């Protein structure tokens, strides 16, 4: 994760969290180019120079914010990966639920991701998206390989194709959860996050498991 300067790391935890929260809100509301350091420091009640002392410039601030968000997103997935008493499909369902819960808890972070995903002029777009996809593929690859090794998944699966398809399904699942209007008119009414996660997991189980 990109490092902030010691002047930021030495701040009390509450103040660090406020800085990151206001910066996240600003990038989520306005995108990268229109994000204003003046608005951020105005809401924080600090001098503009202080923010530059913490990070150097707006790009470094965003890089730190991005790295911090990715590390937070990884935490529950690592716990799922390392849980020994869950089978492959239980882990996949838990991944859907944990990811959805993260978005619910951090909506501004996910709004930044959506802007990065769909705005081609987003600075360092390919770098940031590449890091996200690489980390997610590594996580899913481990789950798939463990599933094949333990006989839960078919041994004729192409690992990389399976990882790609799982990533695509999960990414689209989260977009639908965060932006319900994407599927207006085709998604059944009244579905909860838990119901949707279970339905998609069952669909995957029918295509991937050795018992299908």
Protein backbone atom coordinates (compact mmCIF):
# COMPACT_ATOMS: atom_id res chain seq x y z
CA UNK A 1 0.00 0.00 0.00
CA UNK A 2 1.39 3.50 -0.81
CA UNK A 3 2.86 5.19 2.22
CA UNK A 4 1.74 8.53 3.61
CA UNK A 5 4.27 10.85 5.16
CA UNK A 6 5.11 10.50 8.85
CA UNK A 7 3.20 13.69 9.60
CA UNK A 8 0.01 11.83 8.67
CA UNK A 9 0.93 8.51 10.28
CA UNK A 10 1.69 10.31 13.53
CA UNK A 11 -1.78 11.87 13.74
CA UNK A 12 -4.29 10.44 16.24
CA UNK A 13 -6.28 7.60 14.69
CA UNK A 14 -9.56 9.55 14.83
CA UNK A 15 -8.07 12.46 12.87
CA UNK A 16 -6.53 10.13 10.26
CA UNK A 17 -9.91 8.49 9.75
CA UNK A 18 -11.60 11.89 9.34
CA UNK A 19 -9.09 12.92 6.68
CA UNK A 20 -9.61 9.69 4.75
CA UNK A 21 -13.39 9.88 5.12
CA UNK A 22 -13.57 13.43 3.74
CA UNK A 23 -11.17 12.63 0.90
CA UNK A 24 -13.19 9.53 0.02
CA UNK A 25 -16.41 11.54 -0.03
CA UNK A 26 -14.83 14.17 -2.29
CA UNK A 27 -13.51 11.69 -4.87
CA UNK A 28 -16.79 9.75 -4.78
CA UNK A 29 -18.90 12.87 -5.35
CA UNK A 30 -16.75 14.60 -7.95
CA UNK A 31 -14.40 12.05 -9.52
CA UNK A 32 -10.66 12.57 -9.65
CA UNK A 33 -10.33 15.61 -11.93
CA UNK A 34 -13.05 17.68 -10.27
CA UNK A 35 -12.16 16.68 -6.70
CA UNK A 36 -11.11 19.76 -4.74
CA UNK A 37 -8.46 19.82 -2.05
CA UNK A 38 -9.97 23.14 -0.94
CA UNK A 39 -13.33 21.48 -0.25
CA UNK A 40 -11.64 18.66 1.67
CA UNK A 41 -9.65 20.94 3.95
CA UNK A 42 -12.65 23.24 4.33
CA UNK A 43 -14.75 20.44 5.77
CA UNK A 44 -11.85 19.29 7.93
CA UNK A 45 -11.10 22.78 9.19
CA UNK A 46 -7.36 22.50 8.47
CA UNK A 47 -4.94 24.46 6.30
CA UNK A 48 -4.45 23.34 2.70
CA UNK A 49 -0.73 23.07 3.35
CA UNK A 50 -1.36 20.49 6.04
CA UNK A 51 -2.88 18.05 3.54
CA UNK A 52 0.10 18.50 1.24
CA UNK A 53 2.41 17.83 4.20
CA UNK A 54 0.52 14.58 4.78
CA UNK A 55 0.57 13.29 1.19
CA UNK A 56 2.47 15.64 -1.14
CA UNK A 57 -0.25 16.20 -3.75
CA UNK A 58 -3.72 15.10 -4.81
CA UNK A 59 -2.45 12.09 -6.75
CA UNK A 60 -0.52 10.77 -3.75
CA UNK A 61 -3.58 11.32 -1.57
CA UNK A 62 -5.69 9.26 -3.95
CA UNK A 63 -3.06 6.52 -4.21
CA UNK A 64 -2.97 6.23 -0.43
CA UNK A 65 -6.76 6.25 -0.21
CA UNK A 66 -6.99 3.55 -2.87
CA UNK A 67 -4.43 1.33 -1.17
CA UNK A 68 -6.12 1.75 2.19
CA UNK A 69 -9.51 0.82 0.73
CA UNK A 70 -8.14 -2.30 -1.00
CA UNK A 71 -6.45 -3.49 2.19
CA UNK A 72 -9.73 -3.05 4.10
CA UNK A 73 -11.64 -4.96 1.42
CA UNK A 74 -9.16 -7.85 1.58
CA UNK A 75 -9.49 -8.46 5.32
CA UNK A 76 -12.82 -10.36 5.40
CA UNK A 77 -11.87 -12.29 2.24
CA UNK A 78 -8.64 -13.49 3.86
CA UNK A 79 -10.65 -14.72 6.83
CA UNK A 80 -12.96 -16.64 4.47
CA UNK A 81 -10.03 -18.10 2.56
CA UNK A 82 -8.36 -19.31 5.76
CA UNK A 83 -11.49 -20.85 7.28
CA UNK A 84 -10.84 -24.59 7.23
CA UNK A 85 -14.37 -25.79 8.06
CA UNK A 86 -16.03 -24.31 4.92
CA UNK A 87 -16.34 -25.99 1.55
CA UNK A 88 -15.81 -24.18 -1.74
CA UNK A 89 -19.39 -23.09 -2.24
CA UNK A 90 -19.79 -21.92 1.34
CA UNK A 91 -16.70 -19.76 0.82
CA UNK A 92 -18.08 -18.37 -2.43
CA UNK A 93 -21.40 -17.49 -0.79
CA UNK A 94 -19.57 -15.90 2.13
CA UNK A 95 -17.50 -13.92 -0.41
CA UNK A 96 -20.66 -12.52 -1.98
CA UNK A 97 -22.03 -11.58 1.42
CA UNK A 98 -18.80 -10.08 2.77
CA UNK A 99 -18.27 -8.02 -0.38
CA UNK A 100 -21.85 -6.76 -0.31
CA UNK A 101 -21.52 -5.89 3.37
CA UNK A 102 -18.32 -3.95 2.65
CA UNK A 103 -20.10 -1.91 -0.02
CA UNK A 104 -22.99 -1.21 2.36
CA UNK A 105 -20.53 -0.02 5.01
CA UNK A 106 -18.35 1.97 2.59
CA UNK A 107 -20.61 3.27 -0.20
CA UNK A 108 -18.29 6.16 -1.11
CA UNK A 109 -15.40 3.78 -1.73
CA UNK A 110 -17.49 1.70 -4.10
CA UNK A 111 -18.68 4.83 -5.92
CA UNK A 112 -15.03 5.68 -6.59
CA UNK A 113 -14.51 2.17 -7.97
CA UNK A 114 -17.49 2.56 -10.31
CA UNK A 115 -16.16 5.90 -11.56
CA UNK A 116 -12.78 4.29 -12.15
CA UNK A 117 -14.42 1.38 -13.95
CA UNK A 118 -16.56 3.40 -16.34
CA UNK A 119 -14.59 6.64 -16.84
CA UNK A 120 -11.79 6.00 -19.29
CA UNK A 121 -10.01 9.26 -18.44
CA UNK A 122 -9.64 8.35 -14.76
CA UNK A 123 -5.92 8.87 -13.89
CA UNK A 124 -3.94 5.64 -13.54
CA UNK A 125 -7.14 3.72 -14.28
CA UNK A 126 -5.44 0.65 -15.73
CA UNK A 127 -2.92 0.52 -12.89
CA UNK A 128 -5.55 0.68 -10.17
CA UNK A 129 -8.00 -1.72 -11.85
CA UNK A 130 -5.13 -4.08 -12.60
CA UNK A 131 -4.17 -4.21 -8.93
CA UNK A 132 -7.75 -4.91 -7.90
CA UNK A 133 -8.19 -7.67 -10.47
CA UNK A 134 -4.82 -9.25 -9.71
CA UNK A 135 -5.61 -9.42 -5.99
CA UNK A 136 -9.12 -10.76 -6.61
CA UNK A 137 -7.88 -13.37 -9.09
CA UNK A 138 -5.26 -14.56 -6.60
CA UNK A 139 -7.96 -14.99 -3.95
CA UNK A 140 -10.36 -16.85 -6.25
CA UNK A 141 -7.58 -19.00 -7.74
CA UNK A 142 -6.73 -20.31 -4.29
CA UNK A 143 -10.37 -21.18 -3.60
CA UNK A 144 -10.73 -22.97 -6.95
CA UNK A 145 -7.48 -24.92 -6.58
CA UNK A 146 -8.46 -25.99 -3.06
CA UNK A 147 -11.88 -27.04 -4.38
CA UNK A 148 -10.35 -29.18 -7.12
CA UNK A 149 -7.75 -30.65 -4.77
CA UNK A 150 -10.36 -31.72 -2.21
CA UNK A 151 -12.66 -33.19 -4.85
CA UNK A 152 -15.41 -30.60 -4.45
CA UNK A 153 -14.93 -29.27 -7.98
CA UNK A 154 -14.56 -31.12 -11.26
CA UNK A 155 -10.96 -31.96 -12.05
CA UNK A 156 -11.41 -31.04 -15.72
CA UNK A 157 -12.00 -27.36 -14.97
CA UNK A 158 -9.71 -24.84 -16.62
CA UNK A 159 -8.50 -22.94 -13.55
CA UNK A 160 -7.91 -19.57 -15.19
CA UNK A 161 -11.19 -19.60 -17.11
CA UNK A 162 -13.05 -20.51 -13.92
CA UNK A 163 -11.33 -17.70 -12.02
CA UNK A 164 -12.23 -15.22 -14.77
CA UNK A 165 -15.88 -16.29 -14.78
CA UNK A 166 -16.13 -16.19 -10.99
CA UNK A 167 -14.61 -12.71 -10.92
CA UNK A 168 -17.03 -11.53 -13.60
CA UNK A 169 -20.05 -12.94 -11.77
CA UNK A 170 -19.02 -11.44 -8.44
CA UNK A 171 -18.20 -8.05 -9.95
CA UNK A 172 -21.55 -7.84 -11.71
CA UNK A 173 -23.35 -9.11 -8.60
CA UNK A 174 -21.88 -6.24 -6.59
CA UNK A 175 -22.75 -3.67 -9.24
CA UNK A 176 -26.34 -4.86 -9.15
CA UNK A 177 -26.38 -4.70 -5.36
CA UNK A 178 -24.95 -1.18 -5.25
CA UNK A 179 -26.90 0.20 -8.22
CA UNK A 180 -30.31 -1.55 -8.26
CA UNK A 181 -31.43 0.44 -11.31
CA UNK A 182 -29.02 -1.59 -13.45
CA UNK A 183 -31.45 -4.52 -13.30
CA UNK A 184 -34.74 -2.70 -12.94
CA UNK A 185 -37.47 -4.66 -14.68
CA UNK A 186 -35.74 -8.04 -14.66
CA UNK A 187 -34.75 -8.63 -11.02
CA UNK A 188 -37.51 -10.21 -8.90
CA UNK A 189 -38.82 -7.85 -6.24
CA UNK A 190 -38.02 -8.19 -2.57
CA UNK A 191 -34.74 -10.12 -2.80
CA UNK A 192 -32.29 -9.60 0.05
CA UNK A 193 -28.52 -9.69 -0.28
CA UNK A 194 -28.56 -13.12 1.39
CA UNK A 195 -31.21 -14.49 -0.98
CA UNK A 196 -29.36 -13.25 -4.06
CA UNK A 197 -26.00 -14.59 -2.84
CA UNK A 198 -27.52 -18.02 -2.21
CA UNK A 199 -29.21 -18.10 -5.62
CA UNK A 200 -26.02 -17.25 -7.51
CA UNK A 201 -24.02 -19.75 -5.44
CA UNK A 202 -26.54 -22.49 -6.22
CA UNK A 203 -26.25 -21.68 -9.91
CA UNK A 204 -22.45 -21.98 -9.72
CA UNK A 205 -22.72 -25.21 -7.74
CA UNK A 206 -24.78 -26.82 -10.48
CA UNK A 207 -22.11 -26.06 -13.07
CA UNK A 208 -18.88 -26.60 -11.15
CA UNK A 209 -19.31 -29.27 -8.51
CA UNK A 210 -18.44 -32.94 -8.96
CA UNK A 211 -22.03 -33.87 -8.07
CA UNK A 212 -23.59 -31.85 -10.94
